[in-house]
Structure formats: structure tokens, C-alpha cells
Amino acid sequence: MGRLFGTDGVRGVTNRQLTPELALRLGMAIGTYFGDGARILVGRDVRCGGDMIVHAVIAGLLSTGVKVYYAGYAPTPAIQYNVRVGGFDGAVIVTASHNPPEYNGIKVVGPQGIEASRDVEREIEEIYFEQRFRKVPWPQLAYDVKPYPEALDVYVNGVVEHVDSVLIKSKGFKVVVDCANSVTALTTPKILEKLGVKVVSVNCHLDPLFSGREPEPTPETLSSTARIVVDLNADLGVGHDGDGDRAILI
């Protein structure tokens, strides 16, 4: 049997290795694994071609009778947190994390908000390669995708509630935040501002081509941001990757 999943989901160059056809069938396999009626949250980063991939995945999920809730642009940790507190059965995230801009990927999250284990990935791969897709009868296809825009606010408020906000506000911190032109621009500045932090935003406008810098936060890609931290006498700098599951402190 072949293998689809790598170290962190299924990844490939968009429209070459990671095609709409693959995304559709993988969505069907994932939906078959979770089961008819499962509540699945779906989110994505800003990568070029992401809309094409996410719609293919959603089509595959719907064909198996899964109930899809679509969060749209959201960092991976935000989707994971919403799965845990929102009672979802799992999630699918369309992202290639820190990979170069031309890549995209599909990762699966389990019911506790934790990325799928290798055993779960093997089960999904078996369904995919054996084409054991569950295709529900047409009356069961009446469920439409439900928008889930509250995912970002649930996450932001959840983070703030889990830290000592009074203490942080008393410090008067100044923090430089480099969001790699991707989805953490929708959450990290808001979290820090709610905590009374003065935020200096770098690469915080959404850009599917990552024109500000490469998505992977390294000493090289964060060199300009590091200089800003020094020049502004900031207390800290934060550099994210493409989907927000990495945060490098400067």
C-alpha cells in the first residue's frame, strides 16, 4: 500500500503533487474514517491555490455525510483549540505550515484537538488507496457547509483567559510581531493588544505569495525583524510560520 502522509500531513506543490483530484479523494477518505454525521471543522492558511484545495476537500467530506463547519482563514492552533472546546469530532486544515509558498498541504486533527496519530493516518490511507469511500444517498446530502467565523474570537479569548492578564498589562511590554503575511496576523496582534501590549506589526497583511519573507521562521528570514526589535528597543520579537504552529522568539 502507498503512503500519503508525511511528518505533518499530506504536502506537495500545489496543482502538481497536491491536486484537486487528490484533495477530493482524500476528503472522501477522511470523511469515511470519521463517519456519517461527524462534525468536522475546516480551516486554511492564505496560500495561493488554497481555495481550490479546501473546496475539493470539503466536497469529499460532504459526499460521505460529514457535517462541515468552515472557519476560513485561521491558524492551526486556533482550529485545534476550537475542536477541543467546541465539541467537534475532528478537523481538516489546508496548510503547508513552514514550507515554501508554492506548496500546500492537508492535515487531520482528532477530537481532542491533537493532530492525527500515525495509526489514524494509516487507516485513512487504506481507505484512500482501496477506494472504500462511503457515499451517502442523496437525501443525506441536504446538509450545507456552515460558516464558523467565531473560531478566531474563541481562540483569542481563550488564550487571554489562560494567562495572567493583570500582570502582563502592568509591565507595559513592546513586542514586534512578524506574521509572515499569513493567518497569525488575524490572532497574535489581537491577543497581545488585549493584554495591553504595544504591538509593532511586521508582515501582518495577508499575502498568498508571502512577499514579505519565506514562511519558515529562521535566523535568515527573521534578520530584518530582529533589527527592528533592536532599533525600537522592544522587549521581544515573535516570528511565526505560515500556519502559526511555530513561534520563534527574538
C-alpha atoms as a PDB file:
ATOM      1  CA  MET A   1       0.000   0.000   0.000  1.00  0.00           C
ATOM      2  CA  GLY A   2       1.196   3.504  -0.779  1.00  0.00           C
ATOM      3  CA  ARG A   3       1.751   6.300   1.684  1.00  0.00           C
ATOM      4  CA  LEU A   4       0.279   9.786   1.567  1.00  0.00           C
ATOM      5  CA  PHE A   5       1.072  11.323   4.941  1.00  0.00           C
ATOM      6  CA  GLY A   6       4.498  12.646   5.782  1.00  0.00           C
ATOM      7  CA  THR A   7       5.780  14.091   9.031  1.00  0.00           C
ATOM      8  CA  ASP A   8       2.923  16.598   9.246  1.00  0.00           C
ATOM      9  CA  GLY A   9       0.037  15.813   6.925  1.00  0.00           C
ATOM     10  CA  VAL A  10      -0.053  15.432   3.156  1.00  0.00           C
ATOM     11  CA  ARG A  11       2.030  18.021   1.311  1.00  0.00           C
ATOM     12  CA  GLY A  12       3.114  18.817  -2.211  1.00  0.00           C
ATOM     13  CA  VAL A  13       3.469  21.549  -4.803  1.00  0.00           C
ATOM     14  CA  THR A  14       0.029  22.979  -5.495  1.00  0.00           C
ATOM     15  CA  ASN A  15      -1.611  21.621  -8.649  1.00  0.00           C
ATOM     16  CA  ARG A  16       1.308  19.249  -9.232  1.00  0.00           C
ATOM     17  CA  GLN A  17       1.628  16.755  -6.397  1.00  0.00           C
ATOM     18  CA  LEU A  18      -1.282  18.245  -4.444  1.00  0.00           C
ATOM     19  CA  THR A  19      -4.086  18.376  -6.990  1.00  0.00           C
ATOM     20  CA  PRO A  20      -7.837  18.948  -6.624  1.00  0.00           C
ATOM     21  CA  GLU A  21      -8.380  15.293  -7.539  1.00  0.00           C
ATOM     22  CA  LEU A  22      -6.145  14.100  -4.704  1.00  0.00           C
ATOM     23  CA  ALA A  23      -7.762  16.562  -2.283  1.00  0.00           C
ATOM     24  CA  LEU A  24     -11.250  15.375  -3.246  1.00  0.00           C
ATOM     25  CA  ARG A  25     -10.427  11.700  -2.716  1.00  0.00           C
ATOM     26  CA  LEU A  26      -8.538  12.435   0.479  1.00  0.00           C
ATOM     27  CA  GLY A  27     -11.553  14.379   1.753  1.00  0.00           C
ATOM     28  CA  MET A  28     -13.698  11.333   0.979  1.00  0.00           C
ATOM     29  CA  ALA A  29     -11.276   9.059   2.829  1.00  0.00           C
ATOM     30  CA  ILE A  30     -11.154  11.367   5.844  1.00  0.00           C
ATOM     31  CA  GLY A  31     -14.951  11.643   5.930  1.00  0.00           C
ATOM     32  CA  THR A  32     -15.296   7.872   5.659  1.00  0.00           C
ATOM     33  CA  TYR A  33     -12.923   7.463   8.593  1.00  0.00           C
ATOM     34  CA  PHE A  34     -14.785   9.905  10.845  1.00  0.00           C
ATOM     35  CA  GLY A  35     -18.199   8.502   9.994  1.00  0.00           C
ATOM     36  CA  ASP A  36     -21.627   9.653   8.893  1.00  0.00           C
ATOM     37  CA  GLY A  37     -22.818  12.721  10.810  1.00  0.00           C
ATOM     38  CA  ALA A  38     -19.421  13.629  12.280  1.00  0.00           C
ATOM     39  CA  ARG A  39     -18.915  17.342  12.931  1.00  0.00           C
ATOM     40  CA  ILE A  40     -15.703  18.430  11.194  1.00  0.00           C
ATOM     41  CA  LEU A  41     -14.166  21.892  11.384  1.00  0.00           C
ATOM     42  CA  VAL A  42     -12.212  23.058   8.329  1.00  0.00           C
ATOM     43  CA  GLY A  43      -9.720  25.916   8.115  1.00  0.00           C
ATOM     44  CA  ARG A  44      -6.875  27.096   5.909  1.00  0.00           C
ATOM     45  CA  ASP A  45      -3.906  29.421   5.637  1.00  0.00           C
ATOM     46  CA  VAL A  46      -3.554  32.094   2.936  1.00  0.00           C
ATOM     47  CA  ARG A  47      -1.511  30.171   0.376  1.00  0.00           C
ATOM     48  CA  CYS A  48      -2.188  30.651  -3.312  1.00  0.00           C
ATOM     49  CA  GLY A  49      -4.390  27.784  -4.519  1.00  0.00           C
ATOM     50  CA  GLY A  50      -5.722  27.130  -1.027  1.00  0.00           C
ATOM     51  CA  ASP A  51      -9.285  27.946  -2.029  1.00  0.00           C
ATOM     52  CA  MET A  52      -9.140  25.311  -4.763  1.00  0.00           C
ATOM     53  CA  ILE A  53      -7.795  22.659  -2.385  1.00  0.00           C
ATOM     54  CA  VAL A  54     -10.113  23.448   0.519  1.00  0.00           C
ATOM     55  CA  HIS A  55     -13.226  23.298  -1.657  1.00  0.00           C
ATOM     56  CA  ALA A  56     -12.145  19.937  -3.061  1.00  0.00           C
ATOM     57  CA  VAL A  57     -11.595  18.597   0.465  1.00  0.00           C
ATOM     58  CA  ILE A  58     -14.975  19.909   1.613  1.00  0.00           C
ATOM     59  CA  ALA A  59     -16.715  18.305  -1.377  1.00  0.00           C
ATOM     60  CA  GLY A  60     -15.153  14.975  -0.453  1.00  0.00           C
ATOM     61  CA  LEU A  61     -16.188  15.316   3.187  1.00  0.00           C
ATOM     62  CA  LEU A  62     -19.775  16.215   2.285  1.00  0.00           C
ATOM     63  CA  SER A  63     -20.108  13.205  -0.016  1.00  0.00           C
ATOM     64  CA  THR A  64     -19.620  10.919   2.990  1.00  0.00           C
ATOM     65  CA  GLY A  65     -22.341  12.526   5.107  1.00  0.00           C
ATOM     66  CA  VAL A  66     -19.998  14.558   7.291  1.00  0.00           C
ATOM     67  CA  LYS A  67     -21.224  17.904   8.666  1.00  0.00           C
ATOM     68  CA  VAL A  68     -18.719  20.575   7.698  1.00  0.00           C
ATOM     69  CA  TYR A  69     -18.136  23.831   9.592  1.00  0.00           C
ATOM     70  CA  TYR A  70     -15.877  26.233   7.724  1.00  0.00           C
ATOM     71  CA  ALA A  71     -13.700  28.654   9.701  1.00  0.00           C
ATOM     72  CA  GLY A  72     -11.902  30.104   6.681  1.00  0.00           C
ATOM     73  CA  TYR A  73      -8.516  31.701   7.372  1.00  0.00           C
ATOM     74  CA  ALA A  74      -7.297  30.510  10.763  1.00  0.00           C
ATOM     75  CA  PRO A  75      -4.001  29.451  12.373  1.00  0.00           C
ATOM     76  CA  THR A  76      -3.574  25.752  13.067  1.00  0.00           C
ATOM     77  CA  PRO A  77      -3.595  26.247  16.879  1.00  0.00           C
ATOM     78  CA  ALA A  78      -6.891  28.158  16.571  1.00  0.00           C
ATOM     79  CA  ILE A  79      -8.512  25.253  14.728  1.00  0.00           C
ATOM     80  CA  GLN A  80      -7.120  22.762  17.239  1.00  0.00           C
ATOM     81  CA  TYR A  81      -8.399  24.808  20.187  1.00  0.00           C
ATOM     82  CA  ASN A  82     -11.862  25.140  18.649  1.00  0.00           C
ATOM     83  CA  VAL A  83     -12.077  21.393  18.083  1.00  0.00           C
ATOM     84  CA  ARG A  84     -11.353  20.806  21.753  1.00  0.00           C
ATOM     85  CA  VAL A  85     -13.701  23.401  23.263  1.00  0.00           C
ATOM     86  CA  GLY A  86     -16.383  23.238  20.564  1.00  0.00           C
ATOM     87  CA  GLY A  87     -17.059  19.535  20.733  1.00  0.00           C
ATOM     88  CA  PHE A  88     -16.082  18.799  17.153  1.00  0.00           C
ATOM     89  CA  ASP A  89     -15.204  15.261  16.117  1.00  0.00           C
ATOM     90  CA  GLY A  90     -12.138  16.474  14.266  1.00  0.00           C
ATOM     91  CA  ALA A  91     -10.766  18.975  11.785  1.00  0.00           C
ATOM     92  CA  VAL A  92      -9.055  19.287   8.436  1.00  0.00           C
ATOM     93  CA  ILE A  93      -6.579  22.117   7.894  1.00  0.00           C
ATOM     94  CA  VAL A  94      -5.353  23.109   4.450  1.00  0.00           C
ATOM     95  CA  THR A  95      -1.832  24.401   5.025  1.00  0.00           C
ATOM     96  CA  ALA A  96       1.790  23.613   4.293  1.00  0.00           C
ATOM     97  CA  SER A  97       2.971  25.272   7.506  1.00  0.00           C
ATOM     98  CA  HIS A  98       6.567  26.495   7.023  1.00  0.00           C
ATOM     99  CA  ASN A  99       7.087  25.049   3.533  1.00  0.00           C
ATOM    100  CA  PRO A 100       7.861  27.344   0.562  1.00  0.00           C
ATOM    101  CA  PRO A 101       4.932  29.332  -0.906  1.00  0.00           C
ATOM    102  CA  GLU A 102       4.316  27.001  -3.862  1.00  0.00           C
ATOM    103  CA  TYR A 103       3.480  24.124  -1.510  1.00  0.00           C
ATOM    104  CA  ASN A 104       0.215  23.340   0.204  1.00  0.00           C
ATOM    105  CA  GLY A 105      -0.948  20.533   2.424  1.00  0.00           C
ATOM    106  CA  ILE A 106      -3.778  18.782   4.225  1.00  0.00           C
ATOM    107  CA  LYS A 107      -3.530  17.830   7.885  1.00  0.00           C
ATOM    108  CA  VAL A 108      -6.031  15.957  10.037  1.00  0.00           C
ATOM    109  CA  VAL A 109      -6.879  16.773  13.644  1.00  0.00           C
ATOM    110  CA  GLY A 110      -8.565  14.382  16.086  1.00  0.00           C
ATOM    111  CA  PRO A 111     -11.381  15.032  18.583  1.00  0.00           C
ATOM    112  CA  GLN A 112      -9.083  16.343  21.332  1.00  0.00           C
ATOM    113  CA  GLY A 113      -7.554  18.945  19.044  1.00  0.00           C
ATOM    114  CA  ILE A 114      -4.406  16.855  18.574  1.00  0.00           C
ATOM    115  CA  GLU A 115      -3.018  16.032  15.145  1.00  0.00           C
ATOM    116  CA  ALA A 116      -3.923  12.562  13.917  1.00  0.00           C
ATOM    117  CA  SER A 117      -1.645   9.751  15.021  1.00  0.00           C
ATOM    118  CA  ARG A 118       0.215   7.611  12.514  1.00  0.00           C
ATOM    119  CA  ASP A 119      -2.281   4.794  13.162  1.00  0.00           C
ATOM    120  CA  VAL A 120      -5.157   7.067  12.159  1.00  0.00           C
ATOM    121  CA  GLU A 121      -3.245   8.212   9.092  1.00  0.00           C
ATOM    122  CA  ARG A 122      -2.727   4.571   8.074  1.00  0.00           C
ATOM    123  CA  GLU A 123      -6.471   3.908   8.327  1.00  0.00           C
ATOM    124  CA  ILE A 124      -7.196   6.934   6.139  1.00  0.00           C
ATOM    125  CA  GLU A 125      -4.548   5.826   3.636  1.00  0.00           C
ATOM    126  CA  GLU A 126      -6.084   2.348   3.462  1.00  0.00           C
ATOM    127  CA  ILE A 127      -9.498   3.828   2.694  1.00  0.00           C
ATOM    128  CA  TYR A 128      -7.928   6.120   0.084  1.00  0.00           C
ATOM    129  CA  PHE A 129      -5.903   3.502  -1.800  1.00  0.00           C
ATOM    130  CA  GLU A 130      -8.586   0.790  -1.577  1.00  0.00           C
ATOM    131  CA  GLN A 131     -11.241   3.354  -2.568  1.00  0.00           C
ATOM    132  CA  ARG A 132     -13.534   2.221   0.232  1.00  0.00           C
ATOM    133  CA  PHE A 133     -15.348   5.544   0.246  1.00  0.00           C
ATOM    134  CA  ARG A 134     -18.734   5.806   1.903  1.00  0.00           C
ATOM    135  CA  LYS A 135     -21.087   7.653  -0.463  1.00  0.00           C
ATOM    136  CA  VAL A 136     -24.330   8.540   1.272  1.00  0.00           C
ATOM    137  CA  PRO A 137     -27.722   8.539  -0.506  1.00  0.00           C
ATOM    138  CA  TRP A 138     -28.825  11.862  -1.902  1.00  0.00           C
ATOM    139  CA  PRO A 139     -31.322  12.744   0.876  1.00  0.00           C
ATOM    140  CA  GLN A 140     -28.375  12.756   3.300  1.00  0.00           C
ATOM    141  CA  LEU A 141     -26.621  15.406   1.216  1.00  0.00           C
ATOM    142  CA  ALA A 142     -29.061  18.118   2.299  1.00  0.00           C
ATOM    143  CA  TYR A 143     -26.630  19.486   4.896  1.00  0.00           C
ATOM    144  CA  ASP A 144     -24.868  22.624   3.631  1.00  0.00           C
ATOM    145  CA  VAL A 145     -21.488  23.872   4.796  1.00  0.00           C
ATOM    146  CA  LYS A 146     -21.985  26.026   7.879  1.00  0.00           C
ATOM    147  CA  PRO A 147     -19.741  29.100   8.217  1.00  0.00           C
ATOM    148  CA  TYR A 148     -17.895  29.196  11.526  1.00  0.00           C
ATOM    149  CA  PRO A 149     -16.432  32.729  11.743  1.00  0.00           C
ATOM    150  CA  GLU A 150     -16.347  32.681  15.549  1.00  0.00           C
ATOM    151  CA  ALA A 151     -13.306  30.392  15.542  1.00  0.00           C
ATOM    152  CA  LEU A 152     -10.823  33.274  15.715  1.00  0.00           C
ATOM    153  CA  ASP A 153     -12.543  35.088  18.591  1.00  0.00           C
ATOM    154  CA  VAL A 154     -12.973  31.835  20.539  1.00  0.00           C
ATOM    155  CA  TYR A 155      -9.241  31.223  20.230  1.00  0.00           C
ATOM    156  CA  VAL A 156      -8.108  34.777  21.013  1.00  0.00           C
ATOM    157  CA  ASN A 157     -10.339  34.985  24.092  1.00  0.00           C
ATOM    158  CA  GLY A 158      -9.293  31.509  25.176  1.00  0.00           C
ATOM    159  CA  VAL A 159      -5.601  32.423  25.133  1.00  0.00           C
ATOM    160  CA  VAL A 160      -6.207  35.634  27.060  1.00  0.00           C
ATOM    161  CA  GLU A 161      -8.248  33.786  29.695  1.00  0.00           C
ATOM    162  CA  HIS A 162      -5.421  31.309  30.295  1.00  0.00           C
ATOM    163  CA  VAL A 163      -2.728  33.852  31.188  1.00  0.00           C
ATOM    164  CA  ASP A 164      -2.263  36.418  33.967  1.00  0.00           C
ATOM    165  CA  SER A 165      -3.568  39.409  32.034  1.00  0.00           C
ATOM    166  CA  VAL A 166      -3.338  41.793  35.007  1.00  0.00           C
ATOM    167  CA  LEU A 167       0.357  41.064  35.465  1.00  0.00           C
ATOM    168  CA  ILE A 168       1.125  41.340  31.760  1.00  0.00           C
ATOM    169  CA  LYS A 169      -0.745  44.635  31.428  1.00  0.00           C
ATOM    170  CA  SER A 170       1.251  46.056  34.329  1.00  0.00           C
ATOM    171  CA  LYS A 171       4.555  45.534  32.509  1.00  0.00           C
ATOM    172  CA  GLY A 172       3.960  47.823  29.537  1.00  0.00           C
ATOM    173  CA  PHE A 173       5.625  45.488  27.049  1.00  0.00           C
ATOM    174  CA  LYS A 174       6.508  46.430  23.491  1.00  0.00           C
ATOM    175  CA  VAL A 175       6.568  43.450  21.108  1.00  0.00           C
ATOM    176  CA  VAL A 176       7.457  43.208  17.418  1.00  0.00           C
ATOM    177  CA  VAL A 177       5.247  40.629  15.689  1.00  0.00           C
ATOM    178  CA  ASP A 178       6.186  39.133  12.302  1.00  0.00           C
ATOM    179  CA  CYS A 179       3.273  37.068  10.990  1.00  0.00           C
ATOM    180  CA  ALA A 180       4.827  36.022   7.656  1.00  0.00           C
ATOM    181  CA  ASN A 181       1.901  37.593   5.787  1.00  0.00           C
ATOM    182  CA  SER A 182      -0.328  34.741   6.886  1.00  0.00           C
ATOM    183  CA  VAL A 183      -3.106  33.797   9.282  1.00  0.00           C
ATOM    184  CA  THR A 184      -1.475  34.621  12.630  1.00  0.00           C
ATOM    185  CA  ALA A 185      -1.945  38.245  11.577  1.00  0.00           C
ATOM    186  CA  LEU A 186      -5.596  37.641  12.472  1.00  0.00           C
ATOM    187  CA  THR A 187      -4.862  36.472  16.022  1.00  0.00           C
ATOM    188  CA  THR A 188      -1.446  37.232  17.555  1.00  0.00           C
ATOM    189  CA  PRO A 189      -1.679  41.056  17.398  1.00  0.00           C
ATOM    190  CA  LYS A 190      -5.205  40.875  18.846  1.00  0.00           C
ATOM    191  CA  ILE A 191      -4.108  38.623  21.708  1.00  0.00           C
ATOM    192  CA  LEU A 192      -1.244  40.920  22.613  1.00  0.00           C
ATOM    193  CA  GLU A 193      -3.342  44.078  22.336  1.00  0.00           C
ATOM    194  CA  LYS A 194      -5.951  42.571  24.685  1.00  0.00           C
ATOM    195  CA  LEU A 195      -3.086  42.059  27.136  1.00  0.00           C
ATOM    196  CA  GLY A 196      -2.106  45.713  26.978  1.00  0.00           C
ATOM    197  CA  VAL A 197       0.998  45.109  24.860  1.00  0.00           C
ATOM    198  CA  LYS A 198       2.169  47.743  22.400  1.00  0.00           C
ATOM    199  CA  VAL A 199       2.359  45.817  19.142  1.00  0.00           C
ATOM    200  CA  VAL A 200       4.664  46.667  16.241  1.00  0.00           C
ATOM    201  CA  SER A 201       3.386  44.726  13.219  1.00  0.00           C
ATOM    202  CA  VAL A 202       5.715  43.367  10.540  1.00  0.00           C
ATOM    203  CA  ASN A 203       4.477  41.325   7.570  1.00  0.00           C
ATOM    204  CA  CYS A 204       0.986  41.359   9.069  1.00  0.00           C
ATOM    205  CA  HIS A 205      -1.038  41.886   5.902  1.00  0.00           C
ATOM    206  CA  LEU A 206      -2.337  38.730   4.246  1.00  0.00           C
ATOM    207  CA  ASP A 207      -0.427  37.804   1.100  1.00  0.00           C
ATOM    208  CA  PRO A 208      -0.847  34.425  -0.644  1.00  0.00           C
ATOM    209  CA  LEU A 209       2.590  34.822  -2.251  1.00  0.00           C
ATOM    210  CA  PHE A 210       4.426  35.557   1.045  1.00  0.00           C
ATOM    211  CA  SER A 211       6.122  38.580  -0.486  1.00  0.00           C
ATOM    212  CA  GLY A 212       7.488  39.796   2.867  1.00  0.00           C
ATOM    213  CA  ARG A 213       9.602  36.726   3.581  1.00  0.00           C
ATOM    214  CA  GLU A 214       9.633  32.937   3.293  1.00  0.00           C
ATOM    215  CA  PRO A 215       7.113  31.194   5.601  1.00  0.00           C
ATOM    216  CA  GLU A 216       9.764  29.350   7.628  1.00  0.00           C
ATOM    217  CA  PRO A 217      10.992  31.484  10.553  1.00  0.00           C
ATOM    218  CA  THR A 218      14.779  31.162  10.603  1.00  0.00           C
ATOM    219  CA  PRO A 219      17.615  33.490  11.656  1.00  0.00           C
ATOM    220  CA  GLU A 220      17.983  34.432   7.994  1.00  0.00           C
ATOM    221  CA  THR A 221      14.293  35.119   7.249  1.00  0.00           C
ATOM    222  CA  LEU A 222      13.867  36.984  10.549  1.00  0.00           C
ATOM    223  CA  SER A 223      17.030  39.096  10.273  1.00  0.00           C
ATOM    224  CA  SER A 224      15.131  42.273   9.321  1.00  0.00           C
ATOM    225  CA  THR A 225      12.628  41.718  12.105  1.00  0.00           C
ATOM    226  CA  ALA A 226      15.472  41.197  14.589  1.00  0.00           C
ATOM    227  CA  ARG A 227      16.961  44.560  13.586  1.00  0.00           C
ATOM    228  CA  ILE A 228      13.596  46.233  14.198  1.00  0.00           C
ATOM    229  CA  VAL A 229      13.464  44.692  17.684  1.00  0.00           C
ATOM    230  CA  VAL A 230      16.858  46.218  18.467  1.00  0.00           C
ATOM    231  CA  ASP A 231      16.225  49.576  16.784  1.00  0.00           C
ATOM    232  CA  LEU A 232      12.922  50.095  18.613  1.00  0.00           C
ATOM    233  CA  ASN A 233      14.289  48.825  21.922  1.00  0.00           C
ATOM    234  CA  ALA A 234      11.408  46.352  22.054  1.00  0.00           C
ATOM    235  CA  ASP A 235      11.108  43.808  24.838  1.00  0.00           C
ATOM    236  CA  LEU A 236      10.539  40.911  22.480  1.00  0.00           C
ATOM    237  CA  GLY A 237      10.060  39.846  18.898  1.00  0.00           C
ATOM    238  CA  VAL A 238       7.877  36.987  17.656  1.00  0.00           C
ATOM    239  CA  GLY A 239       8.239  35.335  14.256  1.00  0.00           C
ATOM    240  CA  HIS A 240       5.556  32.936  13.039  1.00  0.00           C
ATOM    241  CA  ASP A 241       5.486  30.430  10.210  1.00  0.00           C
ATOM    242  CA  GLY A 242       2.723  30.090   7.622  1.00  0.00           C
ATOM    243  CA  ASP A 243       0.091  28.493   9.838  1.00  0.00           C
ATOM    244  CA  GLY A 244       1.115  29.613  13.313  1.00  0.00           C
ATOM    245  CA  ASP A 245       2.218  26.315  14.810  1.00  0.00           C
ATOM    246  CA  ARG A 246       5.697  27.808  15.206  1.00  0.00           C
ATOM    247  CA  ALA A 247       6.700  30.914  17.112  1.00  0.00           C
ATOM    248  CA  ILE A 248      10.351  31.957  17.211  1.00  0.00           C
ATOM    249  CA  LEU A 249      11.216  34.437  19.959  1.00  0.00           C
ATOM    250  CA  ILE A 250      13.715  37.220  19.343  1.00  0.00           C
END
